[in-house]
Protein backbone atom coordinates (compact mmCIF):
# COMPACT_ATOMS: atom_id res chain seq x y z
CA MET A 1 0.00 0.00 0.00
CA ILE A 2 2.91 2.36 0.69
CA ASN A 3 4.25 4.03 -2.43
CA PHE A 4 7.54 5.79 -1.79
CA SER A 5 7.44 7.48 -5.19
CA LYS A 6 4.71 9.64 -3.64
CA THR A 7 5.74 12.50 -1.37
CA LEU A 8 2.83 11.77 0.98
CA ASP A 9 4.18 8.35 1.88
CA GLN A 10 7.74 9.63 2.16
CA LYS A 11 6.74 12.44 4.50
CA LEU A 12 4.44 10.31 6.65
CA ALA A 13 7.23 7.79 7.11
CA ARG A 14 9.61 10.49 8.33
CA ILE A 15 6.96 12.07 10.55
CA LEU A 16 6.15 8.77 12.27
CA ALA A 17 9.84 7.94 12.63
CA GLY A 18 10.45 11.29 14.34
CA LYS A 19 12.82 12.37 11.57
CA ALA A 20 10.71 15.02 9.88
CA THR A 21 11.82 18.57 9.18
CA ARG A 22 9.53 21.49 8.44
CA ARG A 23 9.89 20.65 4.74
CA ASP A 24 7.95 17.47 5.45
CA PHE A 25 4.77 19.46 6.05
CA ILE A 26 2.01 17.85 3.98
CA LEU A 27 -0.07 20.14 1.78
CA ALA A 28 -3.31 19.12 0.09
CA ASP A 29 -5.55 20.87 -2.40
CA ALA A 30 -9.18 19.97 -1.72
CA LYS A 31 -10.92 19.99 -5.09
CA ASP A 32 -13.87 17.90 -3.91
CA ALA A 33 -16.25 20.83 -3.54
CA ASP A 34 -18.56 19.54 -6.28
CA MET A 35 -19.78 17.03 -3.66
CA ALA A 36 -20.81 19.93 -1.45
CA PHE A 37 -21.61 23.05 -3.48
CA GLY A 38 -22.64 21.66 -6.84
CA ILE A 39 -22.36 24.09 -9.77
CA THR A 40 -20.72 26.84 -7.71
CA ALA A 41 -17.81 24.57 -6.71
CA PRO A 42 -15.32 25.74 -9.39
CA GLY A 43 -15.69 29.31 -8.18
CA PRO A 44 -16.91 32.55 -9.74
CA ASN A 45 -16.22 33.34 -13.35
CA ARG A 46 -14.44 36.66 -12.92
CA ALA A 47 -14.21 37.11 -16.68
CA GLY A 48 -17.74 38.49 -16.46
CA THR A 49 -19.29 36.41 -19.25
CA CYS A 50 -21.15 33.17 -18.71
CA PRO A 51 -20.21 30.53 -21.30
CA HIS A 52 -23.72 29.10 -21.22
CA GLY A 53 -25.34 32.51 -21.66
CA TYR A 54 -27.34 32.20 -18.44
CA ASN A 55 -26.61 34.71 -15.69
CA ALA A 56 -27.84 33.46 -12.32
CA ILE A 57 -29.09 35.94 -9.76
CA ASP A 58 -26.04 35.31 -7.60
CA GLY A 59 -23.49 35.46 -10.41
CA CYS A 60 -21.79 33.32 -13.01
CA TYR A 61 -19.57 30.34 -12.26
CA LYS A 62 -16.81 28.41 -13.94
CA THR A 63 -17.62 25.04 -15.46
CA LEU A 64 -16.55 21.48 -14.74
CA THR A 65 -14.13 21.78 -17.65
CA ASP A 66 -12.57 24.81 -15.96
CA TYR A 67 -12.42 22.96 -12.64
CA ARG A 68 -10.60 20.01 -14.15
CA GLU A 69 -8.18 22.31 -15.93
CA GLN A 70 -7.36 23.93 -12.58
CA ILE A 71 -6.71 20.48 -11.11
CA ARG A 72 -4.39 19.52 -13.97
CA ALA A 73 -2.45 22.76 -13.55
CA VAL A 74 -1.94 22.20 -9.82
CA VAL A 75 -0.82 18.61 -10.38
CA GLN A 76 1.60 19.71 -13.08
CA GLN A 77 3.01 22.35 -10.68
CA GLY A 78 3.90 19.54 -8.27
CA LEU A 79 4.05 21.49 -4.98
CA ILE A 80 1.23 19.74 -3.12
CA ASP A 81 1.24 16.18 -1.78
CA ILE A 82 -2.45 15.24 -2.05
CA MET A 83 -5.15 16.17 -4.54
CA LEU A 84 -8.58 15.50 -3.03
CA LEU A 85 -11.32 14.96 -5.61
CA SER A 86 -14.84 13.66 -6.07
CA ALA A 87 -15.08 10.07 -7.25
CA SER A 88 -16.22 11.18 -10.69
CA ASN A 89 -13.15 13.38 -11.11
CA VAL A 90 -10.89 10.57 -9.87
CA GLU A 91 -12.37 8.44 -12.63
CA GLN A 92 -11.77 11.08 -15.30
CA LEU A 93 -8.36 12.35 -14.22
CA ALA A 94 -6.71 9.39 -12.52
CA ILE A 95 -8.24 6.40 -14.31
CA GLU A 96 -8.94 7.69 -17.81
CA GLU A 97 -6.26 10.36 -18.17
CA LYS A 98 -3.70 8.69 -15.86
CA LEU A 99 -2.83 12.15 -14.53
CA PHE A 100 -1.15 10.81 -11.39
CA ARG A 101 0.73 7.86 -12.89
CA ASN A 102 4.13 9.60 -13.00
CA SER A 103 3.33 12.29 -10.46
CA PRO A 104 4.64 12.56 -6.88
CA ILE A 105 1.12 13.68 -5.89
CA THR A 106 -1.31 11.20 -4.34
CA PRO A 107 -4.91 11.30 -5.58
CA ALA A 108 -7.64 10.92 -2.98
CA ALA A 109 -11.43 10.94 -3.07
CA ARG A 110 -14.14 12.09 -0.71
CA ALA A 111 -15.45 8.74 0.55
CA ASN A 112 -18.58 10.09 2.23
CA ASP A 113 -20.58 13.29 2.04
CA THR A 114 -22.44 13.90 5.26
CA THR A 115 -25.39 16.28 5.21
CA ASP A 116 -23.51 19.14 6.89
CA VAL A 117 -21.53 19.64 3.67
CA TRP A 118 -24.65 19.84 1.50
CA ALA A 119 -24.23 23.53 0.72
CA VAL A 120 -26.39 24.02 -2.37
CA ARG A 121 -27.86 27.43 -3.14
CA GLY A 122 -31.07 27.90 -1.18
CA GLY A 123 -30.49 24.72 0.79
CA LYS A 124 -30.95 24.47 4.56
CA TYR A 125 -29.53 20.97 5.13
CA ALA A 126 -26.49 22.18 7.08
CA ARG A 127 -28.75 23.72 9.73
CA PHE A 128 -29.74 20.27 10.97
CA PRO A 129 -27.57 17.80 12.90
CA SER A 130 -25.08 16.12 10.59
CA ARG A 131 -26.36 12.87 9.14
CA HIS A 132 -24.22 10.20 7.53
CA PHE A 133 -24.40 9.61 3.78
CA ARG A 134 -22.11 7.98 1.20
CA THR A 135 -22.46 8.60 -2.53
CA ALA A 136 -19.19 7.02 -3.63
CA THR A 137 -18.24 3.36 -3.37
CA LEU A 138 -14.70 2.26 -2.57
CA GLU A 139 -14.56 0.06 -5.67
CA HIS A 140 -15.48 2.96 -7.93
CA ILE A 141 -12.88 5.20 -6.29
CA LYS A 142 -10.14 2.59 -6.75
CA TYR A 143 -11.08 1.09 -10.10
CA GLY A 144 -13.93 3.08 -11.62
CA LYS A 145 -16.07 -0.07 -11.51
CA LEU A 146 -17.11 -2.88 -9.20
CA GLU A 147 -14.12 -5.08 -8.44
CA THR A 148 -14.12 -8.05 -6.07
CA ASN A 149 -10.35 -8.58 -5.89
CA PRO A 150 -8.84 -6.10 -3.39
CA HIS A 151 -5.32 -7.17 -4.39
CA LYS A 152 -5.74 -6.10 -8.00
CA PRO A 153 -3.62 -3.03 -8.85
CA PHE A 154 -5.85 0.02 -8.67
CA THR A 155 -5.91 2.70 -11.33
CA GLY A 156 -7.86 5.34 -9.38
CA ALA A 157 -7.18 6.18 -5.74
CA ASP A 158 -6.58 3.99 -2.71
CA LEU A 159 -6.96 6.94 -0.33
CA GLY A 160 -10.12 8.67 0.77
CA LEU A 161 -11.46 11.25 3.16
CA TYR A 162 -14.04 10.05 5.67
CA SER A 163 -15.97 12.79 7.46
CA ILE A 164 -17.75 12.74 10.81
CA THR A 165 -19.33 15.53 12.84
CA PHE A 166 -20.07 15.11 16.53
CA THR A 167 -23.09 17.16 17.67
CA ASN A 168 -23.34 16.19 21.36
CA ASP A 169 -26.65 14.53 20.55
CA LEU A 170 -26.70 10.87 21.60
CA GLU A 171 -28.91 9.59 18.79
CA TRP A 172 -27.13 11.38 15.93
CA ASP A 173 -23.62 10.68 17.21
CA TYR A 174 -24.46 7.02 17.88
CA ARG A 175 -25.59 6.60 14.28
CA ALA A 176 -22.53 8.40 12.95
CA LEU A 177 -20.18 6.13 14.92
CA GLU A 178 -22.00 3.01 13.73
CA GLU A 179 -21.48 4.10 10.12
CA PHE A 180 -17.83 4.94 10.82
CA HIS A 181 -17.40 1.44 12.26
CA ASP A 182 -18.86 -0.15 9.13
CA PHE A 183 -16.70 2.01 6.86
CA ARG A 184 -13.50 1.06 8.70
CA LEU A 185 -14.18 -2.64 8.37
CA GLU A 186 -15.00 -2.31 4.67
CA ALA A 187 -11.91 -0.18 4.04
CA GLU A 188 -9.66 -2.71 5.76
CA LYS A 189 -11.07 -5.60 3.73
CA LYS A 190 -10.75 -3.67 0.47
CA ARG A 191 -7.26 -2.33 1.24
CA PHE A 192 -8.41 1.26 1.18
CA ARG A 193 -6.61 3.94 3.20
CA TYR A 194 -8.37 6.94 4.65
CA PHE A 195 -7.86 10.14 6.60
CA LEU A 196 -10.45 11.34 9.06
CA GLU A 197 -12.15 14.71 8.86
CA VAL A 198 -13.81 15.78 12.10
CA PHE A 199 -15.76 19.03 12.09
CA ASN A 200 -16.85 21.16 15.01
CA PRO A 201 -20.56 20.64 15.79
CA ASN A 202 -22.64 22.11 12.98
CA VAL A 203 -25.53 22.81 15.37
CA ASP A 204 -25.57 24.19 18.90
CA PRO A 205 -23.96 21.46 21.04
CA GLY A 206 -25.15 22.99 24.28
CA ILE A 207 -21.65 23.81 25.51
CA GLU A 208 -19.71 27.05 25.84
CA PRO A 209 -17.93 28.15 22.63
CA ALA A 210 -14.58 28.17 24.45
CA LYS A 211 -15.02 24.47 25.24
CA VAL A 212 -15.69 23.34 21.66
CA GLY A 213 -12.00 22.59 21.06
CA GLY A 214 -11.89 20.32 24.10
CA PHE A 215 -15.14 18.61 23.05
CA LEU A 216 -13.69 17.97 19.60
CA ASN A 217 -10.39 16.62 20.98
CA ASP A 218 -12.11 14.30 23.44
CA SER A 219 -14.52 13.05 20.77
CA ILE A 220 -11.64 12.24 18.40
CA ILE A 221 -9.60 10.35 20.98
CA ARG A 222 -12.65 8.55 22.36
CA CYS A 223 -13.77 7.31 18.94
CA LEU A 224 -10.27 6.14 17.97
CA ALA A 225 -9.26 4.58 21.29
CA GLY A 226 -11.00 1.33 20.37
CA VAL A 227 -9.50 1.26 16.86
CA THR A 228 -6.35 -0.80 16.36
CA ARG A 229 -3.57 0.15 13.99
CA ALA A 230 -5.11 -1.70 11.04
CA GLY A 231 -8.17 0.55 11.07
CA ARG A 232 -6.74 3.91 12.09
CA PRO A 233 -6.64 6.94 9.77
CA LEU A 234 -3.40 8.08 8.16
CA PHE A 235 -3.99 11.51 9.63
CA LEU A 236 -6.69 13.88 10.88
CA LYS A 237 -8.29 16.88 9.22
CA ILE A 238 -9.83 19.21 11.82
CA PRO A 239 -10.72 22.90 12.27
CA TYR A 240 -8.09 25.09 13.86
CA ASN A 241 -9.59 25.95 17.25
CA GLY A 242 -6.55 27.85 18.43
CA PRO A 243 -3.09 27.03 19.80
CA GLY A 244 -4.23 25.42 23.04
CA PRO A 245 -6.58 22.75 21.65
CA LEU A 246 -4.17 21.94 18.81
CA GLU A 247 -1.18 21.54 21.10
CA GLU A 248 -3.25 19.42 23.47
CA LEU A 249 -4.27 17.00 20.72
CA VAL A 250 -0.83 16.83 19.13
CA SER A 251 0.95 16.16 22.43
CA TYR A 252 -1.50 13.47 23.56
CA ASP A 253 -0.50 10.84 20.99
CA SER A 254 2.66 11.26 18.92
CA THR A 255 1.48 8.60 16.45
CA LEU A 256 -1.63 10.61 15.55
CA VAL A 257 -0.76 12.95 12.69
CA VAL A 258 -2.91 16.05 12.96
CA GLY A 259 -3.89 18.25 10.03
CA ILE A 260 -6.04 21.36 9.77
CA LEU A 261 -8.68 22.37 7.25
CA GLY A 262 -8.81 25.74 5.57
CA GLY A 263 -12.47 26.68 5.92
CA SER A 264 -13.95 29.68 4.13
CA ALA A 265 -11.89 31.87 1.83
CA GLY A 266 -11.25 35.01 3.92
CA THR A 267 -8.33 37.33 3.25
CA THR A 268 -4.98 36.16 1.94
CA LEU A 269 -3.42 36.86 5.33
CA ASP A 270 -6.08 34.63 6.91
CA ALA A 271 -4.83 31.69 4.87
CA PHE A 272 -1.12 32.40 5.23
CA GLN A 273 -1.33 33.09 8.97
CA LEU A 274 -3.47 29.99 9.52
CA ILE A 275 -0.99 27.60 7.94
CA HIS A 276 1.89 29.32 9.75
CA ASP A 277 0.20 29.09 13.15
CA ALA A 278 -1.05 25.55 12.65
CA GLN A 279 2.46 24.35 11.81
CA LYS A 280 3.89 26.31 14.76
CA TYR A 281 1.58 24.55 17.21
CA GLY A 282 2.09 21.04 15.90
CA ALA A 283 0.01 20.38 12.79
CA LYS A 284 1.76 18.33 10.10
CA VAL A 285 -0.87 18.64 7.36
CA ALA A 286 -3.05 21.37 5.85
CA LEU A 287 -5.93 20.81 3.44
CA PHE A 288 -7.01 24.05 1.79
CA GLY A 289 -9.92 24.01 -0.64
CA ARG A 290 -11.77 27.29 -0.99
CA LYS A 291 -8.74 29.32 0.10
CA ILE A 292 -6.83 28.01 -2.93
CA ASN A 293 -9.69 27.73 -5.38
CA LEU A 294 -11.09 31.21 -4.76
CA SER A 295 -7.74 32.96 -4.88
CA GLU A 296 -6.92 35.12 -7.88
CA HIS A 297 -3.85 33.06 -8.80
CA PRO A 298 -4.09 29.52 -7.31
CA LEU A 299 -0.63 28.40 -8.46
CA ALA A 300 1.09 31.43 -6.90
CA PHE A 301 -1.06 31.03 -3.81
CA ILE A 302 0.10 27.42 -3.39
CA GLU A 303 3.70 28.42 -3.97
CA PHE A 304 3.55 30.91 -1.09
CA LEU A 305 1.84 28.38 1.17
CA ARG A 306 4.79 26.08 0.56
CA CYS A 307 7.31 28.87 1.12
CA ILE A 308 5.69 29.62 4.48
CA THR A 309 5.75 26.00 5.67
CA ASP A 310 9.35 25.65 4.46
CA GLY A 311 10.27 28.67 6.62
CA GLU A 312 11.36 30.85 3.72
CA ILE A 313 8.94 33.75 4.25
CA SER A 314 6.58 35.16 6.88
CA PRO A 315 2.80 35.37 6.32
CA VAL A 316 2.83 39.18 5.97
CA GLU A 317 5.79 39.09 3.58
CA ALA A 318 3.99 36.39 1.59
CA VAL A 319 0.87 38.54 1.20
CA ARG A 320 2.95 41.43 -0.13
CA ALA A 321 4.86 39.13 -2.49
CA TYR A 322 1.61 37.51 -3.67
CA HIS A 323 0.17 40.90 -4.60
CA GLY A 324 3.39 41.61 -6.46
CA VAL A 325 2.85 38.48 -8.53
CA LEU A 326 -0.74 39.51 -9.27
CA GLN A 327 0.44 42.90 -10.46
CA GLN A 328 3.20 41.43 -12.63
CA SER A 329 0.75 38.93 -14.12
CA GLY A 330 -1.90 41.54 -14.86
CA ILE A 331 -4.44 39.78 -12.63
CA PRO A 332 -6.84 42.11 -10.79
CA ALA A 333 -6.80 41.62 -7.02
CA VAL A 334 -10.12 40.97 -5.32
CA ARG A 335 -9.00 43.07 -2.35
CA SER A 336 -6.48 45.86 -2.04
CA LEU A 337 -3.14 45.01 -0.46
CA GLU A 338 -4.15 46.94 2.64
CA GLU A 339 -7.39 44.94 2.95
CA ASP A 340 -5.60 41.65 2.28
CA LEU A 341 -3.14 42.33 5.12
CA ASN A 342 -6.00 42.23 7.64
CA LEU A 343 -7.11 39.18 9.57
CA SER A 344 -10.80 38.34 9.81
CA PRO A 345 -12.32 38.58 13.31
CA THR A 346 -12.28 34.79 13.74
CA GLN A 347 -8.66 34.49 12.75
CA GLN A 348 -7.75 37.38 15.06
CA CYS A 349 -9.09 35.36 18.00
CA TYR A 350 -6.58 32.61 17.34
CA SER A 351 -3.51 34.68 16.42
């Protein structure tokens, strides 16, 4: 299962052996948003003209063709370690186009799509307690078709993201853990690796906001304490709830590789400061979706993320340099440099 031609496997091996340097920070581009947002997933079409001629009330969006072209460009750049996709895009790009065959980047697929990520326009699903759901099958992610032999070489992806959201509601969390149990057993039988995404409660959990980080940490450790090595995730993907909760989780179990998710787009400094702070307080992985996809220049954005984690530049310096690239490339900035050097209120709380 381990493929040392892939940077993910190389870095994980060094991390778990205690031999990692800051250059072993794992960076993922989450291009699985079509399983959450639908048509709006590729981002706004800033060119101002809709290729289909239809202008929606809330704007015009890029197409699936555009989205796949963005993915190809990021893979060709080669600075990330994981490209997270929907199963249908794994089929097109990994199986049919063989995009990852000679690439150091590992393809992965969203293995379940719980209701709290159903973010369609006009939808209200995310307001209710998260409910388990799986669109993709592991066979289709690995092979693009049903396949009964788990030892057959796969042509798609053998890595997936499994998502769970604890709500502090006994009935909902009990059901979510039952489904997680079934997934783990199936994944082990079918030789499928996974990383675990755990969100903060998507509804009011009935606890103080300051205690959400502790609730999340306890829920993660409690649900994995009964899982032996064969069924454990490669790493975690969690919200950044500040230095204290992150350090607590990282220090508890040195074999548990902790990663953070990017969340909403925000300012450029939000993204650059987040990855800097997360690495500082112990995270080894960052998975940024909207922050990359909604940036004016995704390839330059990724390059500066990598420069920050490699210790070559500070977040503020990176924002200034990023705006310099936009200017040189003739790409209009969404925000002025002054605006982009500000942190959002949420990010300010953690910095």
